[in-house]
């Protein structure tokens, strides 16, 4: 839970067009994890 009124958030639009929203509590960790997953996904597609 946040003690403040505002959350940092992330919205992702899926290939199906659905929009998924997340509350982010550790934005630096999320950024690194997303970039890592994207790099792994791209390298898997090039293999």
N, C-alpha and C. Protein backbone atom coordinates (compact mmCIF):
# COMPACT_ATOMS: atom_id res chain seq x y z
N UNK A 1 0.83 -1.18 0.00
CA UNK A 1 0.00 0.00 0.00
C UNK A 1 0.88 1.25 0.00
N UNK A 2 0.39 2.25 -0.61
CA UNK A 2 1.10 3.52 -0.65
C UNK A 2 0.56 4.44 0.44
N UNK A 3 1.44 5.23 1.02
CA UNK A 3 0.99 6.20 2.01
C UNK A 3 0.51 7.47 1.34
N UNK A 4 0.87 7.65 0.06
CA UNK A 4 0.48 8.84 -0.66
C UNK A 4 -0.80 8.61 -1.46
N UNK A 5 -1.21 9.62 -2.17
CA UNK A 5 -2.43 9.52 -2.97
C UNK A 5 -2.17 9.01 -4.37
N UNK A 6 -0.92 9.08 -4.82
CA UNK A 6 -0.62 8.73 -6.21
C UNK A 6 0.34 7.56 -6.27
N UNK A 7 0.13 6.72 -7.25
CA UNK A 7 1.01 5.59 -7.51
C UNK A 7 1.74 5.84 -8.82
N UNK A 8 2.95 5.31 -8.91
CA UNK A 8 3.59 5.25 -10.21
C UNK A 8 2.97 4.06 -10.91
N UNK A 9 2.75 4.19 -12.20
CA UNK A 9 2.07 3.11 -12.89
C UNK A 9 2.68 2.77 -14.22
N UNK A 10 2.26 1.66 -14.73
CA UNK A 10 2.70 1.17 -16.03
C UNK A 10 1.47 0.62 -16.73
N UNK A 11 1.26 1.04 -17.97
CA UNK A 11 0.18 0.50 -18.78
C UNK A 11 0.79 -0.21 -19.97
N UNK A 12 0.29 -1.40 -20.24
CA UNK A 12 0.78 -2.20 -21.38
C UNK A 12 -0.42 -2.57 -22.23
N UNK A 13 -0.32 -2.30 -23.52
CA UNK A 13 -1.37 -2.72 -24.45
C UNK A 13 -0.92 -4.03 -25.08
N UNK A 14 -1.71 -5.08 -24.88
CA UNK A 14 -1.39 -6.40 -25.40
C UNK A 14 -1.70 -6.47 -26.89
N UNK A 15 -1.18 -7.49 -27.55
CA UNK A 15 -1.46 -7.69 -28.98
C UNK A 15 -2.96 -7.81 -29.24
N UNK A 16 -3.70 -8.28 -28.25
CA UNK A 16 -5.15 -8.44 -28.40
C UNK A 16 -5.87 -7.09 -28.33
N UNK A 17 -5.13 -6.03 -27.94
CA UNK A 17 -5.74 -4.72 -27.80
C UNK A 17 -6.12 -4.39 -26.36
N UNK A 18 -6.09 -5.40 -25.50
CA UNK A 18 -6.43 -5.19 -24.08
C UNK A 18 -5.36 -4.33 -23.41
N UNK A 19 -5.78 -3.41 -22.56
CA UNK A 19 -4.87 -2.54 -21.82
C UNK A 19 -4.79 -3.05 -20.39
N UNK A 20 -3.56 -3.30 -19.92
CA UNK A 20 -3.33 -3.81 -18.57
C UNK A 20 -2.55 -2.76 -17.80
N UNK A 21 -3.03 -2.39 -16.62
CA UNK A 21 -2.39 -1.38 -15.78
C UNK A 21 -1.77 -2.04 -14.55
N UNK A 22 -0.60 -1.55 -14.18
CA UNK A 22 0.10 -2.04 -13.00
C UNK A 22 0.46 -0.87 -12.12
N UNK A 23 0.48 -1.08 -10.81
CA UNK A 23 1.05 -0.13 -9.87
C UNK A 23 2.49 -0.54 -9.66
N UNK A 24 3.39 0.42 -9.70
CA UNK A 24 4.80 0.11 -9.60
C UNK A 24 5.35 0.65 -8.28
N UNK A 25 5.92 -0.23 -7.48
CA UNK A 25 6.46 0.16 -6.19
C UNK A 25 7.98 0.25 -6.21
N UNK A 26 8.63 -0.34 -7.21
CA UNK A 26 10.09 -0.29 -7.33
C UNK A 26 10.42 -0.04 -8.81
N UNK A 27 10.21 1.20 -9.31
CA UNK A 27 10.31 1.46 -10.74
C UNK A 27 11.66 1.12 -11.36
N UNK A 28 12.76 1.31 -10.64
CA UNK A 28 14.07 0.98 -11.22
C UNK A 28 14.20 -0.52 -11.45
N UNK A 29 13.70 -1.32 -10.51
CA UNK A 29 13.75 -2.77 -10.66
C UNK A 29 12.86 -3.22 -11.82
N UNK A 30 11.65 -2.65 -11.91
CA UNK A 30 10.75 -3.00 -12.99
C UNK A 30 11.36 -2.68 -14.35
N UNK A 31 11.97 -1.49 -14.48
CA UNK A 31 12.58 -1.09 -15.74
C UNK A 31 13.64 -2.10 -16.17
N UNK A 32 14.51 -2.49 -15.24
CA UNK A 32 15.56 -3.44 -15.55
C UNK A 32 14.97 -4.80 -15.94
N UNK A 33 13.95 -5.26 -15.22
CA UNK A 33 13.34 -6.55 -15.52
C UNK A 33 12.66 -6.54 -16.90
N UNK A 34 11.97 -5.45 -17.22
CA UNK A 34 11.30 -5.35 -18.52
C UNK A 34 12.31 -5.32 -19.65
N UNK A 35 13.37 -4.52 -19.49
CA UNK A 35 14.40 -4.45 -20.52
C UNK A 35 15.07 -5.81 -20.71
N UNK A 36 15.32 -6.52 -19.62
CA UNK A 36 15.93 -7.85 -19.69
C UNK A 36 15.00 -8.82 -20.42
N UNK A 37 13.71 -8.80 -20.09
CA UNK A 37 12.76 -9.70 -20.74
C UNK A 37 12.64 -9.38 -22.23
N UNK A 38 12.66 -8.10 -22.58
CA UNK A 38 12.58 -7.72 -23.99
C UNK A 38 13.82 -8.19 -24.74
N UNK A 39 15.00 -8.04 -24.14
CA UNK A 39 16.23 -8.48 -24.78
C UNK A 39 16.23 -9.99 -24.97
N UNK A 40 15.76 -10.72 -23.95
CA UNK A 40 15.69 -12.18 -24.06
C UNK A 40 14.70 -12.60 -25.13
N UNK A 41 13.58 -11.91 -25.23
CA UNK A 41 12.56 -12.22 -26.22
C UNK A 41 13.09 -11.96 -27.63
N UNK A 42 13.78 -10.85 -27.81
CA UNK A 42 14.34 -10.51 -29.12
C UNK A 42 15.42 -11.50 -29.52
N UNK A 43 16.31 -11.85 -28.59
CA UNK A 43 17.39 -12.78 -28.93
C UNK A 43 16.83 -14.18 -29.21
N UNK A 44 15.76 -14.58 -28.53
CA UNK A 44 15.14 -15.88 -28.79
C UNK A 44 14.51 -15.90 -30.18
N UNK A 45 13.97 -14.78 -30.61
CA UNK A 45 13.34 -14.70 -31.93
C UNK A 45 14.35 -14.69 -33.06
N UNK A 46 15.58 -14.29 -32.76
CA UNK A 46 16.62 -14.23 -33.80
C UNK A 46 17.36 -15.55 -33.92
N UNK A 47 17.19 -16.47 -32.99
CA UNK A 47 17.92 -17.74 -32.99
C UNK A 47 17.39 -18.68 -34.04
